[in-house]
Amino acid sequence: MAIPARTFHRRQQKAETLSATETDRVLRIVRIASHAAQVFGSEEKARRWLSKDNRMLGATPLQMLSTDAGAHEVEAELNRIEFGDFA
């Protein structure tokens, strides 16, 4: 998750904005979720893929999105799936 749910709700109640780092994390997740939906043909299939353990990544894709390096690995995996490059 880009930001703990409790923190998000507290900020929402106080009408506070996200920090730059939190905003980057949210945008990263949205961008990759959108790419996954495009690759898999639906948001539901993308959601399942993002939440399922992935041997190539060593974790769920969603867990990998907490860092830039992890996000790049997830994007590379999506590109391999999209373009059929499983080597």
PDB file of N, CA and C in Angstrom:
ATOM      1  N   MET A   1       0.845  -1.176   0.000  1.00  0.00           N
ATOM      2  CA  MET A   1       0.000   0.000   0.000  1.00  0.00           C
ATOM      3  C   MET A   1       0.894   1.244   0.000  1.00  0.00           C
ATOM      4  N   ALA A   2       0.485   2.247  -0.674  1.00  0.00           N
ATOM      5  CA  ALA A   2       1.270   3.471  -0.810  1.00  0.00           C
ATOM      6  C   ALA A   2       1.338   4.253   0.490  1.00  0.00           C
ATOM      7  N   ILE A   3       0.275   4.197   1.256  1.00  0.00           N
ATOM      8  CA  ILE A   3       0.186   4.924   2.517  1.00  0.00           C
ATOM      9  C   ILE A   3      -0.734   4.112   3.425  1.00  0.00           C
ATOM     10  N   PRO A   4      -0.385   3.975   4.711  1.00  0.00           N
ATOM     11  CA  PRO A   4      -1.260   3.211   5.605  1.00  0.00           C
ATOM     12  C   PRO A   4      -2.682   3.779   5.616  1.00  0.00           C
ATOM     13  N   ALA A   5      -3.655   2.891   5.637  1.00  0.00           N
ATOM     14  CA  ALA A   5      -5.063   3.313   5.589  1.00  0.00           C
ATOM     15  C   ALA A   5      -5.395   4.287   6.712  1.00  0.00           C
ATOM     16  N   ARG A   6      -4.864   4.036   7.884  1.00  0.00           N
ATOM     17  CA  ARG A   6      -5.124   4.917   9.028  1.00  0.00           C
ATOM     18  C   ARG A   6      -4.613   6.334   8.774  1.00  0.00           C
ATOM     19  N   THR A   7      -3.416   6.419   8.238  1.00  0.00           N
ATOM     20  CA  THR A   7      -2.838   7.725   7.908  1.00  0.00           C
ATOM     21  C   THR A   7      -3.671   8.417   6.847  1.00  0.00           C
ATOM     22  N   PHE A   8      -4.080   7.671   5.837  1.00  0.00           N
ATOM     23  CA  PHE A   8      -4.897   8.243   4.772  1.00  0.00           C
ATOM     24  C   PHE A   8      -6.201   8.811   5.327  1.00  0.00           C
ATOM     25  N   HIS A   9      -6.885   8.037   6.167  1.00  0.00           N
ATOM     26  CA  HIS A   9      -8.164   8.494   6.721  1.00  0.00           C
ATOM     27  C   HIS A   9      -7.981   9.709   7.633  1.00  0.00           C
ATOM     28  N   ARG A  10      -6.911   9.704   8.420  1.00  0.00           N
ATOM     29  CA  ARG A  10      -6.633  10.853   9.288  1.00  0.00           C
ATOM     30  C   ARG A  10      -6.388  12.107   8.454  1.00  0.00           C
ATOM     31  N   ARG A  11      -5.588  11.960   7.414  1.00  0.00           N
ATOM     32  CA  ARG A  11      -5.309  13.106   6.540  1.00  0.00           C
ATOM     33  C   ARG A  11      -6.580  13.582   5.852  1.00  0.00           C
ATOM     34  N   GLN A  12      -7.404  12.631   5.454  1.00  0.00           N
ATOM     35  CA  GLN A  12      -8.651  12.966   4.779  1.00  0.00           C
ATOM     36  C   GLN A  12      -9.579  13.747   5.719  1.00  0.00           C
ATOM     37  N   GLN A  13      -9.677  13.307   6.965  1.00  0.00           N
ATOM     38  CA  GLN A  13     -10.531  13.986   7.942  1.00  0.00           C
ATOM     39  C   GLN A  13     -10.048  15.403   8.222  1.00  0.00           C
ATOM     40  N   LYS A  14      -8.738  15.592   8.224  1.00  0.00           N
ATOM     41  CA  LYS A  14      -8.162  16.911   8.504  1.00  0.00           C
ATOM     42  C   LYS A  14      -7.946  17.727   7.236  1.00  0.00           C
ATOM     43  N   ALA A  15      -8.362  17.188   6.105  1.00  0.00           N
ATOM     44  CA  ALA A  15      -8.198  17.851   4.801  1.00  0.00           C
ATOM     45  C   ALA A  15      -6.733  18.182   4.514  1.00  0.00           C
ATOM     46  N   GLU A  16      -5.832  17.279   4.925  1.00  0.00           N
ATOM     47  CA  GLU A  16      -4.402  17.447   4.664  1.00  0.00           C
ATOM     48  C   GLU A  16      -4.039  16.765   3.347  1.00  0.00           C
ATOM     49  N   THR A  17      -3.009  17.261   2.707  1.00  0.00           N
ATOM     50  CA  THR A  17      -2.550  16.657   1.457  1.00  0.00           C
ATOM     51  C   THR A  17      -1.482  15.604   1.736  1.00  0.00           C
ATOM     52  N   LEU A  18      -1.252  14.757   0.765  1.00  0.00           N
ATOM     53  CA  LEU A  18      -0.194  13.760   0.870  1.00  0.00           C
ATOM     54  C   LEU A  18       1.156  14.425   0.673  1.00  0.00           C
ATOM     55  N   SER A  19       2.191  13.822   1.248  1.00  0.00           N
ATOM     56  CA  SER A  19       3.545  14.322   1.021  1.00  0.00           C
ATOM     57  C   SER A  19       3.951  13.992  -0.414  1.00  0.00           C
ATOM     58  N   ALA A  20       5.044  14.570  -0.852  1.00  0.00           N
ATOM     59  CA  ALA A  20       5.537  14.296  -2.208  1.00  0.00           C
ATOM     60  C   ALA A  20       5.869  12.815  -2.375  1.00  0.00           C
ATOM     61  N   THR A  21       6.471  12.217  -1.362  1.00  0.00           N
ATOM     62  CA  THR A  21       6.822  10.795  -1.418  1.00  0.00           C
ATOM     63  C   THR A  21       5.572   9.929  -1.498  1.00  0.00           C
ATOM     64  N   GLU A  22       4.576  10.247  -0.680  1.00  0.00           N
ATOM     65  CA  GLU A  22       3.324   9.488  -0.700  1.00  0.00           C
ATOM     66  C   GLU A  22       2.612   9.640  -2.038  1.00  0.00           C
ATOM     67  N   THR A  23       2.626  10.844  -2.573  1.00  0.00           N
ATOM     68  CA  THR A  23       2.008  11.089  -3.876  1.00  0.00           C
ATOM     69  C   THR A  23       2.706  10.274  -4.954  1.00  0.00           C
ATOM     70  N   ASP A  24       4.040  10.237  -4.921  1.00  0.00           N
ATOM     71  CA  ASP A  24       4.797   9.427  -5.885  1.00  0.00           C
ATOM     72  C   ASP A  24       4.401   7.959  -5.796  1.00  0.00           C
ATOM     73  N   ARG A  25       4.268   7.444  -4.570  1.00  0.00           N
ATOM     74  CA  ARG A  25       3.889   6.041  -4.389  1.00  0.00           C
ATOM     75  C   ARG A  25       2.505   5.758  -4.960  1.00  0.00           C
ATOM     76  N   VAL A  26       1.559   6.648  -4.669  1.00  0.00           N
ATOM     77  CA  VAL A  26       0.194   6.466  -5.174  1.00  0.00           C
ATOM     78  C   VAL A  26       0.188   6.478  -6.700  1.00  0.00           C
ATOM     79  N   LEU A  27       0.879   7.442  -7.285  1.00  0.00           N
ATOM     80  CA  LEU A  27       0.923   7.537  -8.749  1.00  0.00           C
ATOM     81  C   LEU A  27       1.594   6.320  -9.374  1.00  0.00           C
ATOM     82  N   ARG A  28       2.626   5.800  -8.717  1.00  0.00           N
ATOM     83  CA  ARG A  28       3.328   4.604  -9.208  1.00  0.00           C
ATOM     84  C   ARG A  28       2.363   3.417  -9.232  1.00  0.00           C
ATOM     85  N   ILE A  29       1.594   3.252  -8.159  1.00  0.00           N
ATOM     86  CA  ILE A  29       0.645   2.144  -8.092  1.00  0.00           C
ATOM     87  C   ILE A  29      -0.444   2.297  -9.148  1.00  0.00           C
ATOM     88  N   VAL A  30      -0.958   3.506  -9.306  1.00  0.00           N
ATOM     89  CA  VAL A  30      -2.008   3.753 -10.302  1.00  0.00           C
ATOM     90  C   VAL A  30      -1.488   3.469 -11.708  1.00  0.00           C
ATOM     91  N   ARG A  31      -0.276   3.939 -12.004  1.00  0.00           N
ATOM     92  CA  ARG A  31       0.311   3.733 -13.337  1.00  0.00           C
ATOM     93  C   ARG A  31       0.486   2.246 -13.635  1.00  0.00           C
ATOM     94  N   ILE A  32       1.016   1.509 -12.677  1.00  0.00           N
ATOM     95  CA  ILE A  32       1.278   0.092 -12.915  1.00  0.00           C
ATOM     96  C   ILE A  32      -0.020  -0.712 -12.923  1.00  0.00           C
ATOM     97  N   ALA A  33      -0.976  -0.352 -12.081  1.00  0.00           N
ATOM     98  CA  ALA A  33      -2.277  -1.037 -12.098  1.00  0.00           C
ATOM     99  C   ALA A  33      -2.966  -0.828 -13.443  1.00  0.00           C
ATOM    100  N   SER A  34      -2.845   0.366 -13.987  1.00  0.00           N
ATOM    101  CA  SER A  34      -3.424   0.660 -15.298  1.00  0.00           C
ATOM    102  C   SER A  34      -2.743  -0.167 -16.389  1.00  0.00           C
ATOM    103  N   HIS A  35      -1.426  -0.263 -16.316  1.00  0.00           N
ATOM    104  CA  HIS A  35      -0.680  -1.068 -17.288  1.00  0.00           C
ATOM    105  C   HIS A  35      -1.091  -2.533 -17.171  1.00  0.00           C
ATOM    106  N   ALA A  36      -1.220  -3.025 -15.938  1.00  0.00           N
ATOM    107  CA  ALA A  36      -1.620  -4.418 -15.728  1.00  0.00           C
ATOM    108  C   ALA A  36      -3.018  -4.676 -16.296  1.00  0.00           C
ATOM    109  N   ALA A  37      -3.936  -3.739 -16.109  1.00  0.00           N
ATOM    110  CA  ALA A  37      -5.293  -3.896 -16.652  1.00  0.00           C
ATOM    111  C   ALA A  37      -5.259  -3.959 -18.171  1.00  0.00           C
ATOM    112  N   GLN A  38      -4.384  -3.177 -18.768  1.00  0.00           N
ATOM    113  CA  GLN A  38      -4.232  -3.195 -20.226  1.00  0.00           C
ATOM    114  C   GLN A  38      -3.676  -4.551 -20.676  1.00  0.00           C
ATOM    115  N   VAL A  39      -2.667  -5.038 -19.975  1.00  0.00           N
ATOM    116  CA  VAL A  39      -2.031  -6.305 -20.341  1.00  0.00           C
ATOM    117  C   VAL A  39      -2.992  -7.480 -20.171  1.00  0.00           C
ATOM    118  N   PHE A  40      -3.743  -7.501 -19.072  1.00  0.00           N
ATOM    119  CA  PHE A  40      -4.610  -8.638 -18.764  1.00  0.00           C
ATOM    120  C   PHE A  40      -6.037  -8.484 -19.266  1.00  0.00           C
ATOM    121  N   GLY A  41      -6.380  -7.311 -19.758  1.00  0.00           N
ATOM    122  CA  GLY A  41      -7.689  -7.123 -20.366  1.00  0.00           C
ATOM    123  C   GLY A  41      -8.813  -6.732 -19.436  1.00  0.00           C
ATOM    124  N   SER A  42      -8.547  -6.664 -18.135  1.00  0.00           N
ATOM    125  CA  SER A  42      -9.577  -6.215 -17.198  1.00  0.00           C
ATOM    126  C   SER A  42      -8.938  -5.808 -15.872  1.00  0.00           C
ATOM    127  N   GLU A  43      -9.638  -4.952 -15.149  1.00  0.00           N
ATOM    128  CA  GLU A  43      -9.139  -4.525 -13.841  1.00  0.00           C
ATOM    129  C   GLU A  43      -9.135  -5.687 -12.855  1.00  0.00           C
ATOM    130  N   GLU A  44     -10.143  -6.553 -12.934  1.00  0.00           N
ATOM    131  CA  GLU A  44     -10.227  -7.697 -12.021  1.00  0.00           C
ATOM    132  C   GLU A  44      -9.045  -8.648 -12.219  1.00  0.00           C
ATOM    133  N   LYS A  45      -8.721  -8.968 -13.466  1.00  0.00           N
ATOM    134  CA  LYS A  45      -7.576  -9.844 -13.736  1.00  0.00           C
ATOM    135  C   LYS A  45      -6.281  -9.179 -13.296  1.00  0.00           C
ATOM    136  N   ALA A  46      -6.166  -7.883 -13.502  1.00  0.00           N
ATOM    137  CA  ALA A  46      -4.976  -7.144 -13.067  1.00  0.00           C
ATOM    138  C   ALA A  46      -4.860  -7.187 -11.549  1.00  0.00           C
ATOM    139  N   ARG A  47      -5.976  -6.979 -10.851  1.00  0.00           N
ATOM    140  CA  ARG A  47      -5.990  -7.000  -9.387  1.00  0.00           C
ATOM    141  C   ARG A  47      -5.524  -8.360  -8.868  1.00  0.00           C
ATOM    142  N   ARG A  48      -6.011  -9.429  -9.499  1.00  0.00           N
ATOM    143  CA  ARG A  48      -5.591 -10.775  -9.086  1.00  0.00           C
ATOM    144  C   ARG A  48      -4.092 -10.971  -9.304  1.00  0.00           C
ATOM    145  N   TRP A  49      -3.592 -10.545 -10.465  1.00  0.00           N
ATOM    146  CA  TRP A  49      -2.165 -10.704 -10.763  1.00  0.00           C
ATOM    147  C   TRP A  49      -1.314  -9.900  -9.781  1.00  0.00           C
ATOM    148  N   LEU A  50      -1.729  -8.682  -9.493  1.00  0.00           N
ATOM    149  CA  LEU A  50      -0.970  -7.825  -8.581  1.00  0.00           C
ATOM    150  C   LEU A  50      -0.923  -8.386  -7.161  1.00  0.00           C
ATOM    151  N   SER A  51      -1.928  -9.171  -6.784  1.00  0.00           N
ATOM    152  CA  SER A  51      -2.043  -9.687  -5.416  1.00  0.00           C
ATOM    153  C   SER A  51      -1.497 -11.098  -5.238  1.00  0.00           C
ATOM    154  N   LYS A  52      -1.169 -11.754  -6.336  1.00  0.00           N
ATOM    155  CA  LYS A  52      -0.734 -13.153  -6.284  1.00  0.00           C
ATOM    156  C   LYS A  52       0.788 -13.248  -6.216  1.00  0.00           C
ATOM    157  N   ASP A  53       1.291 -14.195  -5.396  1.00  0.00           N
ATOM    158  CA  ASP A  53       2.738 -14.412  -5.337  1.00  0.00           C
ATOM    159  C   ASP A  53       3.281 -14.672  -6.732  1.00  0.00           C
ATOM    160  N   ASN A  54       4.434 -14.077  -7.020  1.00  0.00           N
ATOM    161  CA  ASN A  54       5.050 -14.197  -8.333  1.00  0.00           C
ATOM    162  C   ASN A  54       6.472 -14.714  -8.143  1.00  0.00           C
ATOM    163  N   ARG A  55       6.735 -15.932  -8.628  1.00  0.00           N
ATOM    164  CA  ARG A  55       8.066 -16.531  -8.454  1.00  0.00           C
ATOM    165  C   ARG A  55       9.172 -15.692  -9.075  1.00  0.00           C
ATOM    166  N   MET A  56       8.902 -15.097 -10.228  1.00  0.00           N
ATOM    167  CA  MET A  56       9.925 -14.283 -10.904  1.00  0.00           C
ATOM    168  C   MET A  56      10.318 -13.071 -10.057  1.00  0.00           C
ATOM    169  N   LEU A  57       9.356 -12.519  -9.336  1.00  0.00           N
ATOM    170  CA  LEU A  57       9.610 -11.322  -8.538  1.00  0.00           C
ATOM    171  C   LEU A  57      10.003 -11.652  -7.100  1.00  0.00           C
ATOM    172  N   GLY A  58       9.649 -12.839  -6.636  1.00  0.00           N
ATOM    173  CA  GLY A  58       9.959 -13.222  -5.263  1.00  0.00           C
ATOM    174  C   GLY A  58       8.986 -12.651  -4.237  1.00  0.00           C
ATOM    175  N   ALA A  59       7.884 -12.112  -4.693  1.00  0.00           N
ATOM    176  CA  ALA A  59       6.856 -11.518  -3.826  1.00  0.00           C
ATOM    177  C   ALA A  59       5.643 -11.237  -4.701  1.00  0.00           C
ATOM    178  N   THR A  60       4.612 -10.647  -4.114  1.00  0.00           N
ATOM    179  CA  THR A  60       3.503 -10.218  -4.962  1.00  0.00           C
ATOM    180  C   THR A  60       3.933  -8.933  -5.663  1.00  0.00           C
ATOM    181  N   PRO A  61       3.457  -8.698  -6.870  1.00  0.00           N
ATOM    182  CA  PRO A  61       3.796  -7.441  -7.538  1.00  0.00           C
ATOM    183  C   PRO A  61       3.430  -6.222  -6.687  1.00  0.00           C
ATOM    184  N   LEU A  62       2.305  -6.289  -5.985  1.00  0.00           N
ATOM    185  CA  LEU A  62       1.885  -5.170  -5.146  1.00  0.00           C
ATOM    186  C   LEU A  62       2.904  -4.881  -4.049  1.00  0.00           C
ATOM    187  N   GLN A  63       3.471  -5.919  -3.449  1.00  0.00           N
ATOM    188  CA  GLN A  63       4.505  -5.721  -2.429  1.00  0.00           C
ATOM    189  C   GLN A  63       5.745  -5.059  -3.027  1.00  0.00           C
ATOM    190  N   MET A  64       6.040  -5.389  -4.256  1.00  0.00           N
ATOM    191  CA  MET A  64       7.228  -4.842  -4.913  1.00  0.00           C
ATOM    192  C   MET A  64       7.100  -3.348  -5.198  1.00  0.00           C
ATOM    193  N   LEU A  65       5.873  -2.838  -5.249  1.00  0.00           N
ATOM    194  CA  LEU A  65       5.657  -1.445  -5.628  1.00  0.00           C
ATOM    195  C   LEU A  65       6.013  -0.450  -4.536  1.00  0.00           C
ATOM    196  N   SER A  66       6.483  -0.922  -3.393  1.00  0.00           N
ATOM    197  CA  SER A  66       6.836   0.005  -2.318  1.00  0.00           C
ATOM    198  C   SER A  66       8.146   0.748  -2.597  1.00  0.00           C
ATOM    199  N   THR A  67       8.924   0.260  -3.571  1.00  0.00           N
ATOM    200  CA  THR A  67      10.169   0.948  -3.931  1.00  0.00           C
ATOM    201  C   THR A  67      10.222   1.179  -5.436  1.00  0.00           C
ATOM    202  N   ASP A  68      11.029   2.150  -5.838  1.00  0.00           N
ATOM    203  CA  ASP A  68      11.215   2.408  -7.270  1.00  0.00           C
ATOM    204  C   ASP A  68      11.814   1.193  -7.967  1.00  0.00           C
ATOM    205  N   ALA A  69      12.818   0.588  -7.332  1.00  0.00           N
ATOM    206  CA  ALA A  69      13.469  -0.577  -7.939  1.00  0.00           C
ATOM    207  C   ALA A  69      12.471  -1.717  -8.128  1.00  0.00           C
ATOM    208  N   GLY A  70      11.644  -1.955  -7.128  1.00  0.00           N
ATOM    209  CA  GLY A  70      10.624  -2.995  -7.227  1.00  0.00           C
ATOM    210  C   GLY A  70       9.619  -2.687  -8.319  1.00  0.00           C
ATOM    211  N   ALA A  71       9.226  -1.428  -8.414  1.00  0.00           N
ATOM    212  CA  ALA A  71       8.269  -1.013  -9.446  1.00  0.00           C
ATOM    213  C   ALA A  71       8.844  -1.249 -10.838  1.00  0.00           C
ATOM    214  N   HIS A  72      10.135  -0.993 -11.010  1.00  0.00           N
ATOM    215  CA  HIS A  72      10.775  -1.234 -12.312  1.00  0.00           C
ATOM    216  C   HIS A  72      10.762  -2.727 -12.647  1.00  0.00           C
ATOM    217  N   GLU A  73      10.967  -3.575 -11.628  1.00  0.00           N
ATOM    218  CA  GLU A  73      10.914  -5.018 -11.861  1.00  0.00           C
ATOM    219  C   GLU A  73       9.507  -5.453 -12.273  1.00  0.00           C
ATOM    220  N   VAL A  74       8.494  -4.893 -11.613  1.00  0.00           N
ATOM    221  CA  VAL A  74       7.104  -5.226 -11.946  1.00  0.00           C
ATOM    222  C   VAL A  74       6.784  -4.767 -13.367  1.00  0.00           C
ATOM    223  N   GLU A  75       7.211  -3.556 -13.714  1.00  0.00           N
ATOM    224  CA  GLU A  75       6.981  -3.057 -15.077  1.00  0.00           C
ATOM    225  C   GLU A  75       7.668  -3.946 -16.106  1.00  0.00           C
ATOM    226  N   ALA A  76       8.887  -4.384 -15.801  1.00  0.00           N
ATOM    227  CA  ALA A  76       9.610  -5.267 -16.719  1.00  0.00           C
ATOM    228  C   ALA A  76       8.867  -6.592 -16.880  1.00  0.00           C
ATOM    229  N   GLU A  77       8.331  -7.118 -15.784  1.00  0.00           N
ATOM    230  CA  GLU A  77       7.565  -8.366 -15.850  1.00  0.00           C
ATOM    231  C   GLU A  77       6.301  -8.181 -16.685  1.00  0.00           C
ATOM    232  N   LEU A  78       5.605  -7.069 -16.500  1.00  0.00           N
ATOM    233  CA  LEU A  78       4.418  -6.784 -17.315  1.00  0.00           C
ATOM    234  C   LEU A  78       4.782  -6.684 -18.797  1.00  0.00           C
ATOM    235  N   ASN A  79       5.909  -6.055 -19.093  1.00  0.00           N
ATOM    236  CA  ASN A  79       6.351  -5.952 -20.490  1.00  0.00           C
ATOM    237  C   ASN A  79       6.666  -7.323 -21.073  1.00  0.00           C
ATOM    238  N   ARG A  80       7.287  -8.195 -20.272  1.00  0.00           N
ATOM    239  CA  ARG A  80       7.574  -9.554 -20.746  1.00  0.00           C
ATOM    240  C   ARG A  80       6.272 -10.291 -21.060  1.00  0.00           C
ATOM    241  N   ILE A  81       5.292 -10.139 -20.185  1.00  0.00           N
ATOM    242  CA  ILE A  81       3.995 -10.791 -20.408  1.00  0.00           C
ATOM    243  C   ILE A  81       3.320 -10.202 -21.645  1.00  0.00           C
ATOM    244  N   GLU A  82       3.327  -8.884 -21.727  1.00  0.00           N
ATOM    245  CA  GLU A  82       2.653  -8.195 -22.834  1.00  0.00           C
ATOM    246  C   GLU A  82       3.245  -8.564 -24.190  1.00  0.00           C
ATOM    247  N   PHE A  83       4.570  -8.667 -24.249  1.00  0.00           N
ATOM    248  CA  PHE A  83       5.231  -8.892 -25.530  1.00  0.00           C
ATOM    249  C   PHE A  83       5.728 -10.322 -25.706  1.00  0.00           C
ATOM    250  N   GLY A  84       5.372 -11.215 -24.769  1.00  0.00           N
ATOM    251  CA  GLY A  84       5.691 -12.630 -24.914  1.00  0.00           C
ATOM    252  C   GLY A  84       7.148 -12.976 -24.753  1.00  0.00           C
ATOM    253  N   ASP A  85       7.893 -12.196 -23.989  1.00  0.00           N
ATOM    254  CA  ASP A  85       9.322 -12.440 -23.786  1.00  0.00           C
ATOM    255  C   ASP A  85       9.527 -13.066 -22.414  1.00  0.00           C
ATOM    256  N   PHE A  86       9.477 -14.397 -22.347  1.00  0.00           N
ATOM    257  CA  PHE A  86       9.599 -15.083 -21.066  1.00  0.00           C
ATOM    258  C   PHE A  86      10.980 -15.692 -20.850  1.00  0.00           C
ATOM    259  N   ALA A  87      11.938 -15.345 -21.660  1.00  0.00           N
ATOM    260  CA  ALA A  87      13.282 -15.928 -21.559  1.00  0.00           C
ATOM    261  C   ALA A  87      14.002 -15.464 -20.324  1.00  0.00           C
TER     262      ALA A  87
END
